[in-house]
C-alpha atoms as a PDB file:
ATOM      1  CA  MET A   1      26.304 285.805 -18.632  1.00  0.00           C
ATOM      2  CA  ARG A   2      29.426 287.248 -20.128  1.00  0.00           C
ATOM      3  CA  GLN A   3      30.738 283.748 -20.732  1.00  0.00           C
ATOM      4  CA  LYS A   4      27.564 282.928 -22.617  1.00  0.00           C
ATOM      5  CA  GLU A   5      28.074 285.966 -24.865  1.00  0.00           C
ATOM      6  CA  ILE A   6      31.708 285.037 -25.404  1.00  0.00           C
ATOM      7  CA  GLY A   7      30.663 281.504 -26.262  1.00  0.00           C
ATOM      8  CA  GLN A   8      28.117 282.784 -28.781  1.00  0.00           C
ATOM      9  CA  GLU A   9      30.663 285.159 -30.295  1.00  0.00           C
ATOM     10  CA  ASN A  10      33.173 282.336 -30.581  1.00  0.00           C
ATOM     11  CA  GLN A  11      30.542 280.167 -32.165  1.00  0.00           C
ATOM     12  CA  GLN A  12      29.706 282.889 -34.687  1.00  0.00           C
ATOM     13  CA  LYS A  13      33.406 283.435 -35.409  1.00  0.00           C
ATOM     14  CA  ALA A  14      33.849 279.702 -35.883  1.00  0.00           C
ATOM     15  CA  LYS A  15      30.864 279.553 -38.253  1.00  0.00           C
ATOM     16  CA  PHE A  16      32.233 282.540 -40.122  1.00  0.00           C
ATOM     17  CA  LEU A  17      35.682 280.916 -40.383  1.00  0.00           C
ATOM     18  CA  VAL A  18      34.161 277.617 -41.480  1.00  0.00           C
ATOM     19  CA  ASN A  19      32.084 279.382 -44.141  1.00  0.00           C
ATOM     20  CA  ALA A  20      35.122 281.393 -45.272  1.00  0.00           C
ATOM     21  CA  LEU A  21      37.148 278.170 -45.537  1.00  0.00           C
ATOM     22  CA  LYS A  22      34.325 276.502 -47.474  1.00  0.00           C
ATOM     23  CA  ASP A  23      34.233 279.474 -49.857  1.00  0.00           C
ATOM     24  CA  ARG A  24      38.011 279.330 -50.321  1.00  0.00           C
ATOM     25  CA  ILE A  25      37.909 275.586 -50.934  1.00  0.00           C
ATOM     26  CA  ALA A  26      35.051 276.018 -53.421  1.00  0.00           C
ATOM     27  CA  ALA A  27      36.906 278.821 -55.212  1.00  0.00           C
ATOM     28  CA  ALA A  28      40.118 276.795 -55.337  1.00  0.00           C
ATOM     29  CA  SER A  29      38.200 273.768 -56.559  1.00  0.00           C
ATOM     30  CA  GLN A  30      36.463 275.846 -59.222  1.00  0.00           C
ATOM     31  CA  GLN A  31      39.796 277.324 -60.299  1.00  0.00           C
ATOM     32  CA  GLN A  32      41.307 273.853 -60.477  1.00  0.00           C
ATOM     33  CA  GLN A  33      38.356 272.632 -62.556  1.00  0.00           C
ATOM     34  CA  GLN A  34      38.760 275.567 -64.921  1.00  0.00           C
ATOM     35  CA  GLN A  35      42.476 274.838 -65.294  1.00  0.00           C
ATOM     36  CA  GLU A  36      41.736 271.173 -65.958  1.00  0.00           C
ATOM     37  CA  GLN A  37      39.118 272.132 -68.538  1.00  0.00           C
ATOM     38  CA  GLN A  38      41.580 274.476 -70.223  1.00  0.00           C
ATOM     39  CA  GLN A  39      44.205 271.734 -70.272  1.00  0.00           C
ATOM     40  CA  GLN A  40      41.687 269.292 -71.731  1.00  0.00           C
ATOM     41  CA  GLN A  41      40.672 271.812 -74.378  1.00  0.00           C
ATOM     42  CA  GLN A  42      44.312 272.438 -75.214  1.00  0.00           C
ATOM     43  CA  LEU A  43      44.950 268.697 -75.480  1.00  0.00           C
ATOM     44  CA  GLN A  44      41.897 268.293 -77.695  1.00  0.00           C
ATOM     45  CA  GLN A  45      43.080 271.111 -79.945  1.00  0.00           C
ATOM     46  CA  GLU A  46      46.542 269.565 -80.199  1.00  0.00           C
ATOM     47  CA  GLN A  47      44.976 266.197 -80.944  1.00  0.00           C
ATOM     48  CA  GLN A  48      42.767 267.701 -83.648  1.00  0.00           C
ATOM     49  CA  GLN A  49      45.771 269.475 -85.131  1.00  0.00           C
ATOM     50  CA  LEU A  50      47.742 266.218 -85.184  1.00  0.00           C
ATOM     51  CA  GLN A  51      44.827 264.405 -86.798  1.00  0.00           C
ATOM     52  CA  GLN A  52      44.546 267.143 -89.405  1.00  0.00           C
ATOM     53  CA  GLU A  53      48.288 266.947 -90.134  1.00  0.00           C
ATOM     54  CA  GLN A  54      48.116 263.150 -90.401  1.00  0.00           C
ATOM     55  CA  HIS A  55      45.125 263.434 -92.708  1.00  0.00           C
ATOM     56  CA  GLU A  56      46.980 265.928 -94.911  1.00  0.00           C
ATOM     57  CA  LYS A  57      50.048 263.660 -94.963  1.00  0.00           C
ATOM     58  CA  ARG A  58      47.890 260.706 -96.015  1.00  0.00           C
ATOM     59  CA  LEU A  59      46.303 262.790 -98.761  1.00  0.00           C
ATOM     60  CA  GLN A  60      49.751 263.924 -99.932  1.00  0.00           C
ATOM     61  CA  GLN A  61      51.080 260.357 -99.863  1.00  0.00           C
ATOM     62  CA  HIS A  62      48.049 259.208-101.826  1.00  0.00           C
ATOM     63  CA  ALA A  63      48.581 261.992-104.363  1.00  0.00           C
ATOM     64  CA  ASP A  64      52.302 261.146-104.593  1.00  0.00           C
ATOM     65  CA  THR A  65      51.480 257.472-105.099  1.00  0.00           C
ATOM     66  CA  GLN A  66      48.973 258.300-107.813  1.00  0.00           C
ATOM     67  CA  GLN A  67      51.455 260.587-109.536  1.00  0.00           C
ATOM     68  CA  GLU A  68      54.165 257.931-109.316  1.00  0.00           C
ATOM     69  CA  THR A  69      51.789 255.325-110.727  1.00  0.00           C
ATOM     70  CA  GLN A  70      50.841 257.648-113.574  1.00  0.00           C
ATOM     71  CA  GLN A  71      54.496 258.346-114.320  1.00  0.00           C
ATOM     72  CA  GLN A  72      55.252 254.619-114.358  1.00  0.00           C
ATOM     73  CA  GLN A  73      52.312 254.008-116.675  1.00  0.00           C
ATOM     74  CA  GLN A  74      53.466 256.802-118.970  1.00  0.00           C
ATOM     75  CA  GLN A  75      56.992 255.382-119.008  1.00  0.00           C
ATOM     76  CA  GLN A  76      55.610 251.935-119.801  1.00  0.00           C
ATOM     77  CA  GLN A  77      53.481 253.407-122.581  1.00  0.00           C
ATOM     78  CA  ARG A  78      56.470 255.273-124.022  1.00  0.00           C
ATOM     79  CA  HIS A  79      58.584 252.141-123.758  1.00  0.00           C
ATOM     80  CA  SER A  80      55.951 250.002-125.476  1.00  0.00           C
ATOM     81  CA  GLN A  81      55.513 252.682-128.164  1.00  0.00           C
ATOM     82  CA  GLN A  82      59.259 252.688-128.725  1.00  0.00           C
ATOM     83  CA  GLN A  83      59.198 248.907-128.954  1.00  0.00           C
ATOM     84  CA  GLN A  84      56.313 249.059-131.409  1.00  0.00           C
ATOM     85  CA  GLN A  85      58.225 251.582-133.477  1.00  0.00           C
ATOM     86  CA  GLN A  86      61.427 249.550-133.288  1.00  0.00           C
ATOM     87  CA  GLU A  87      59.784 246.230-134.131  1.00  0.00           C
ATOM     88  CA  PRO A  88      58.656 247.235-137.647  1.00  0.00           C
ATOM     89  CA  GLN A  89      62.083 248.747-138.213  1.00  0.00           C
ATOM     90  CA  GLN A  90      63.739 245.521-137.068  1.00  0.00           C
ATOM     91  CA  GLN A  91      61.360 243.491-139.203  1.00  0.00           C
ATOM     92  CA  GLN A  92      62.136 245.705-142.190  1.00  0.00           C
ATOM     93  CA  GLU A  93      65.874 245.333-141.590  1.00  0.00           C
ATOM     94  CA  GLU A  94      65.490 241.558-141.292  1.00  0.00           C
ATOM     95  CA  LYS A  95      63.511 241.440-144.556  1.00  0.00           C
ATOM     96  CA  GLU A  96      66.158 243.494-146.326  1.00  0.00           C
ATOM     97  CA  GLN A  97      68.864 241.243-144.946  1.00  0.00           C
ATOM     98  CA  GLN A  98      66.962 238.145-146.102  1.00  0.00           C
ATOM     99  CA  GLN A  99      66.483 239.680-149.543  1.00  0.00           C
ATOM    100  CA  GLN A 100      70.193 240.450-149.783  1.00  0.00           C
ATOM    101  CA  GLN A 101      71.024 236.895-148.747  1.00  0.00           C
ATOM    102  CA  GLN A 102      68.566 235.508-151.308  1.00  0.00           C
ATOM    103  CA  GLN A 103      70.009 237.719-154.031  1.00  0.00           C
ATOM    104  CA  GLN A 104      73.508 236.683-153.071  1.00  0.00           C
ATOM    105  CA  GLN A 105      72.440 233.031-153.062  1.00  0.00           C
ATOM    106  CA  GLN A 106      70.847 233.445-156.481  1.00  0.00           C
ATOM    107  CA  GLY A 107      74.001 235.091-157.740  1.00  0.00           C
ATOM    108  CA  ASP A 108      76.113 232.247-156.350  1.00  0.00           C
ATOM    109  CA  ASP A 109      73.761 229.699-157.933  1.00  0.00           C
ATOM    110  CA  GLU A 110      74.039 231.463-161.291  1.00  0.00           C
ATOM    111  CA  ASP A 111      77.815 231.538-160.987  1.00  0.00           C
ATOM    112  CA  GLU A 112      77.823 227.803-160.295  1.00  0.00           C
ATOM    113  CA  GLU A 113      75.548 227.124-163.255  1.00  0.00           C
ATOM    114  CA  MET A 114      77.786 229.163-165.527  1.00  0.00           C
ATOM    115  CA  ALA A 115      80.846 227.407-164.254  1.00  0.00           C
ATOM    116  CA  CYS A 116      79.277 223.992-164.817  1.00  0.00           C
ATOM    117  CA  SER A 117      77.959 224.678-168.312  1.00  0.00           C
ATOM    118  CA  PRO A 118      80.462 224.139-171.105  1.00  0.00           C
END
């Protein structure tokens, strides 16, 4: 009879230990899941931050490129304006030079005529 009671007690202790182990395993598993979730959340946050930084860099590069393009266009416009301003000046100088040459030629022709006439 006493052995039967001892057997039942041992069985109850064993059940209790098994249940306690199950609880510990479940708690450890839950803790591990929470840690994994936290790590995943942290990784997601880091990934989002990186994506945001990359997006901002792309926007900045785009803005820089636009600004550079605008500056180049402005330089080209200034250069073409300078050329347009210089061209009439060059044309004017060429005209004046041609006029001087024509006047000189006329003067030379007149000198020749005077020299030839008795």
